[in-house]
């Protein structure tokens, strides 16, 4: 087995310059705190749910033409399905477009201020 060969991404990989790991952490927005755990669980205002960094086509939100393979942050907080398109991701903040509404939201990493 040739160890120098580059690792192949999973077939289901989506198209993004960001990685799933960049979203893990506890984030603050204007009025709430949300924790995205490495195991895919989330806690939003004390309510449990799950999250995925996955292709737009796998979410309930319809993707714009040609954008179905783009990665989005999908928060599953029953009964809500919240889908965000990442615009800018840094260790200290997430700037994302709220799919379906079109407004930009920014989350700040807890402890980064």
C-alpha atoms as a PDB file:
ATOM      1  CA  UNK A   1       0.000   0.000   0.000  1.00  0.00           C
ATOM      2  CA  UNK A   2       1.497   3.303  -1.103  1.00  0.00           C
ATOM      3  CA  UNK A   3       1.431   5.678   1.861  1.00  0.00           C
ATOM      4  CA  UNK A   4       2.514   8.654  -0.252  1.00  0.00           C
ATOM      5  CA  UNK A   5      -0.735   8.668  -2.262  1.00  0.00           C
ATOM      6  CA  UNK A   6      -3.019  11.549  -1.248  1.00  0.00           C
ATOM      7  CA  UNK A   7      -6.034  10.566   0.805  1.00  0.00           C
ATOM      8  CA  UNK A   8      -9.184  10.531  -1.273  1.00  0.00           C
ATOM      9  CA  UNK A   9     -12.075  12.613   0.049  1.00  0.00           C
ATOM     10  CA  UNK A  10     -15.302  10.723   0.722  1.00  0.00           C
ATOM     11  CA  UNK A  11     -17.524  10.368  -2.328  1.00  0.00           C
ATOM     12  CA  UNK A  12     -20.240  12.395  -0.638  1.00  0.00           C
ATOM     13  CA  UNK A  13     -17.928  15.353  -0.053  1.00  0.00           C
ATOM     14  CA  UNK A  14     -19.378  18.743  -0.863  1.00  0.00           C
ATOM     15  CA  UNK A  15     -17.679  21.734  -2.428  1.00  0.00           C
ATOM     16  CA  UNK A  16     -16.339  24.296   0.048  1.00  0.00           C
ATOM     17  CA  UNK A  17     -13.145  26.093   0.985  1.00  0.00           C
ATOM     18  CA  UNK A  18     -14.074  25.401   4.608  1.00  0.00           C
ATOM     19  CA  UNK A  19     -13.976  22.187   6.628  1.00  0.00           C
ATOM     20  CA  UNK A  20     -16.486  20.726   9.060  1.00  0.00           C
ATOM     21  CA  UNK A  21     -14.045  21.077  11.955  1.00  0.00           C
ATOM     22  CA  UNK A  22     -14.051  24.868  11.591  1.00  0.00           C
ATOM     23  CA  UNK A  23     -17.682  24.940  12.784  1.00  0.00           C
ATOM     24  CA  UNK A  24     -17.129  22.959  15.995  1.00  0.00           C
ATOM     25  CA  UNK A  25     -17.375  25.061  19.132  1.00  0.00           C
ATOM     26  CA  UNK A  26     -19.640  27.310  21.153  1.00  0.00           C
ATOM     27  CA  UNK A  27     -20.851  30.347  19.234  1.00  0.00           C
ATOM     28  CA  UNK A  28     -22.705  33.502  20.248  1.00  0.00           C
ATOM     29  CA  UNK A  29     -25.071  35.514  18.074  1.00  0.00           C
ATOM     30  CA  UNK A  30     -27.124  38.568  19.010  1.00  0.00           C
ATOM     31  CA  UNK A  31     -29.393  36.773  21.426  1.00  0.00           C
ATOM     32  CA  UNK A  32     -28.365  33.164  21.833  1.00  0.00           C
ATOM     33  CA  UNK A  33     -25.641  30.605  22.321  1.00  0.00           C
ATOM     34  CA  UNK A  34     -25.229  27.551  20.132  1.00  0.00           C
ATOM     35  CA  UNK A  35     -22.799  24.694  20.642  1.00  0.00           C
ATOM     36  CA  UNK A  36     -21.820  22.509  17.691  1.00  0.00           C
ATOM     37  CA  UNK A  37     -20.134  19.356  19.002  1.00  0.00           C
ATOM     38  CA  UNK A  38     -17.677  17.179  17.089  1.00  0.00           C
ATOM     39  CA  UNK A  39     -20.086  14.227  17.267  1.00  0.00           C
ATOM     40  CA  UNK A  40     -22.740  16.121  15.276  1.00  0.00           C
ATOM     41  CA  UNK A  41     -24.923  17.046  18.228  1.00  0.00           C
ATOM     42  CA  UNK A  42     -25.909  20.631  18.915  1.00  0.00           C
ATOM     43  CA  UNK A  43     -27.299  22.584  21.810  1.00  0.00           C
ATOM     44  CA  UNK A  44     -29.178  25.791  20.991  1.00  0.00           C
ATOM     45  CA  UNK A  45     -30.593  27.758  23.919  1.00  0.00           C
ATOM     46  CA  UNK A  46     -30.568  24.521  25.875  1.00  0.00           C
ATOM     47  CA  UNK A  47     -32.520  22.580  23.235  1.00  0.00           C
ATOM     48  CA  UNK A  48     -30.799  19.554  21.692  1.00  0.00           C
ATOM     49  CA  UNK A  49     -30.516  18.835  17.994  1.00  0.00           C
ATOM     50  CA  UNK A  50     -28.046  17.722  15.347  1.00  0.00           C
ATOM     51  CA  UNK A  51     -25.942  19.480  12.736  1.00  0.00           C
ATOM     52  CA  UNK A  52     -24.225  18.595   9.486  1.00  0.00           C
ATOM     53  CA  UNK A  53     -21.820  20.309   7.122  1.00  0.00           C
ATOM     54  CA  UNK A  54     -23.162  18.773   3.950  1.00  0.00           C
ATOM     55  CA  UNK A  55     -24.162  19.425   0.369  1.00  0.00           C
ATOM     56  CA  UNK A  56     -27.090  21.764  -0.195  1.00  0.00           C
ATOM     57  CA  UNK A  57     -28.958  19.043  -2.108  1.00  0.00           C
ATOM     58  CA  UNK A  58     -29.154  16.914   1.058  1.00  0.00           C
ATOM     59  CA  UNK A  59     -31.081  19.613   2.969  1.00  0.00           C
ATOM     60  CA  UNK A  60     -34.788  20.496   2.765  1.00  0.00           C
ATOM     61  CA  UNK A  61     -33.867  23.928   1.330  1.00  0.00           C
ATOM     62  CA  UNK A  62     -33.790  24.144  -2.449  1.00  0.00           C
ATOM     63  CA  UNK A  63     -30.383  25.129  -3.776  1.00  0.00           C
ATOM     64  CA  UNK A  64     -29.974  27.786  -6.474  1.00  0.00           C
ATOM     65  CA  UNK A  65     -29.266  26.346  -9.910  1.00  0.00           C
ATOM     66  CA  UNK A  66     -25.808  24.779 -10.047  1.00  0.00           C
ATOM     67  CA  UNK A  67     -25.209  25.181  -6.303  1.00  0.00           C
ATOM     68  CA  UNK A  68     -26.465  21.788  -5.099  1.00  0.00           C
ATOM     69  CA  UNK A  69     -22.985  20.419  -4.378  1.00  0.00           C
ATOM     70  CA  UNK A  70     -21.954  23.449  -2.292  1.00  0.00           C
ATOM     71  CA  UNK A  71     -21.453  22.824   1.419  1.00  0.00           C
ATOM     72  CA  UNK A  72     -23.916  24.362   3.859  1.00  0.00           C
ATOM     73  CA  UNK A  73     -24.318  24.260   7.610  1.00  0.00           C
ATOM     74  CA  UNK A  74     -27.577  22.429   8.348  1.00  0.00           C
ATOM     75  CA  UNK A  75     -28.951  22.763  11.878  1.00  0.00           C
ATOM     76  CA  UNK A  76     -31.659  20.275  12.738  1.00  0.00           C
ATOM     77  CA  UNK A  77     -33.544  21.701  15.709  1.00  0.00           C
ATOM     78  CA  UNK A  78     -36.926  19.972  15.545  1.00  0.00           C
ATOM     79  CA  UNK A  79     -39.250  21.142  14.181  1.00  0.00           C
ATOM     80  CA  UNK A  80     -36.844  23.569  12.484  1.00  0.00           C
ATOM     81  CA  UNK A  81     -34.379  22.898   9.681  1.00  0.00           C
ATOM     82  CA  UNK A  82     -32.028  25.882   9.482  1.00  0.00           C
ATOM     83  CA  UNK A  83     -29.631  26.075   6.560  1.00  0.00           C
ATOM     84  CA  UNK A  84     -26.726  28.534   6.372  1.00  0.00           C
ATOM     85  CA  UNK A  85     -24.315  29.133   3.510  1.00  0.00           C
ATOM     86  CA  UNK A  86     -20.842  30.001   4.868  1.00  0.00           C
ATOM     87  CA  UNK A  87     -19.486  33.339   3.614  1.00  0.00           C
ATOM     88  CA  UNK A  88     -16.444  33.754   5.850  1.00  0.00           C
ATOM     89  CA  UNK A  89     -15.160  31.375   8.506  1.00  0.00           C
ATOM     90  CA  UNK A  90     -12.312  32.256  10.882  1.00  0.00           C
ATOM     91  CA  UNK A  91     -11.253  30.781  14.224  1.00  0.00           C
ATOM     92  CA  UNK A  92     -13.105  33.658  15.950  1.00  0.00           C
ATOM     93  CA  UNK A  93     -16.261  34.092  13.845  1.00  0.00           C
ATOM     94  CA  UNK A  94     -18.683  32.583  11.354  1.00  0.00           C
ATOM     95  CA  UNK A  95     -20.352  34.798   8.782  1.00  0.00           C
ATOM     96  CA  UNK A  96     -23.161  32.999   6.973  1.00  0.00           C
ATOM     97  CA  UNK A  97     -26.134  33.653   4.743  1.00  0.00           C
ATOM     98  CA  UNK A  98     -29.402  32.413   6.250  1.00  0.00           C
ATOM     99  CA  UNK A  99     -30.879  30.387   3.400  1.00  0.00           C
ATOM    100  CA  UNK A 100     -34.518  31.173   2.756  1.00  0.00           C
ATOM    101  CA  UNK A 101     -34.263  34.655   4.218  1.00  0.00           C
ATOM    102  CA  UNK A 102     -31.088  35.869   2.568  1.00  0.00           C
ATOM    103  CA  UNK A 103     -29.862  37.892   5.513  1.00  0.00           C
ATOM    104  CA  UNK A 104     -26.284  37.563   6.737  1.00  0.00           C
ATOM    105  CA  UNK A 105     -25.684  36.442  10.296  1.00  0.00           C
ATOM    106  CA  UNK A 106     -22.439  36.466  12.230  1.00  0.00           C
ATOM    107  CA  UNK A 107     -21.600  34.208  15.142  1.00  0.00           C
ATOM    108  CA  UNK A 108     -18.655  34.901  17.439  1.00  0.00           C
ATOM    109  CA  UNK A 109     -16.660  32.115  19.068  1.00  0.00           C
ATOM    110  CA  UNK A 110     -17.203  32.079  22.818  1.00  0.00           C
ATOM    111  CA  UNK A 111     -14.081  33.240  24.610  1.00  0.00           C
ATOM    112  CA  UNK A 112     -12.592  34.924  21.532  1.00  0.00           C
ATOM    113  CA  UNK A 113     -13.380  38.530  22.412  1.00  0.00           C
END
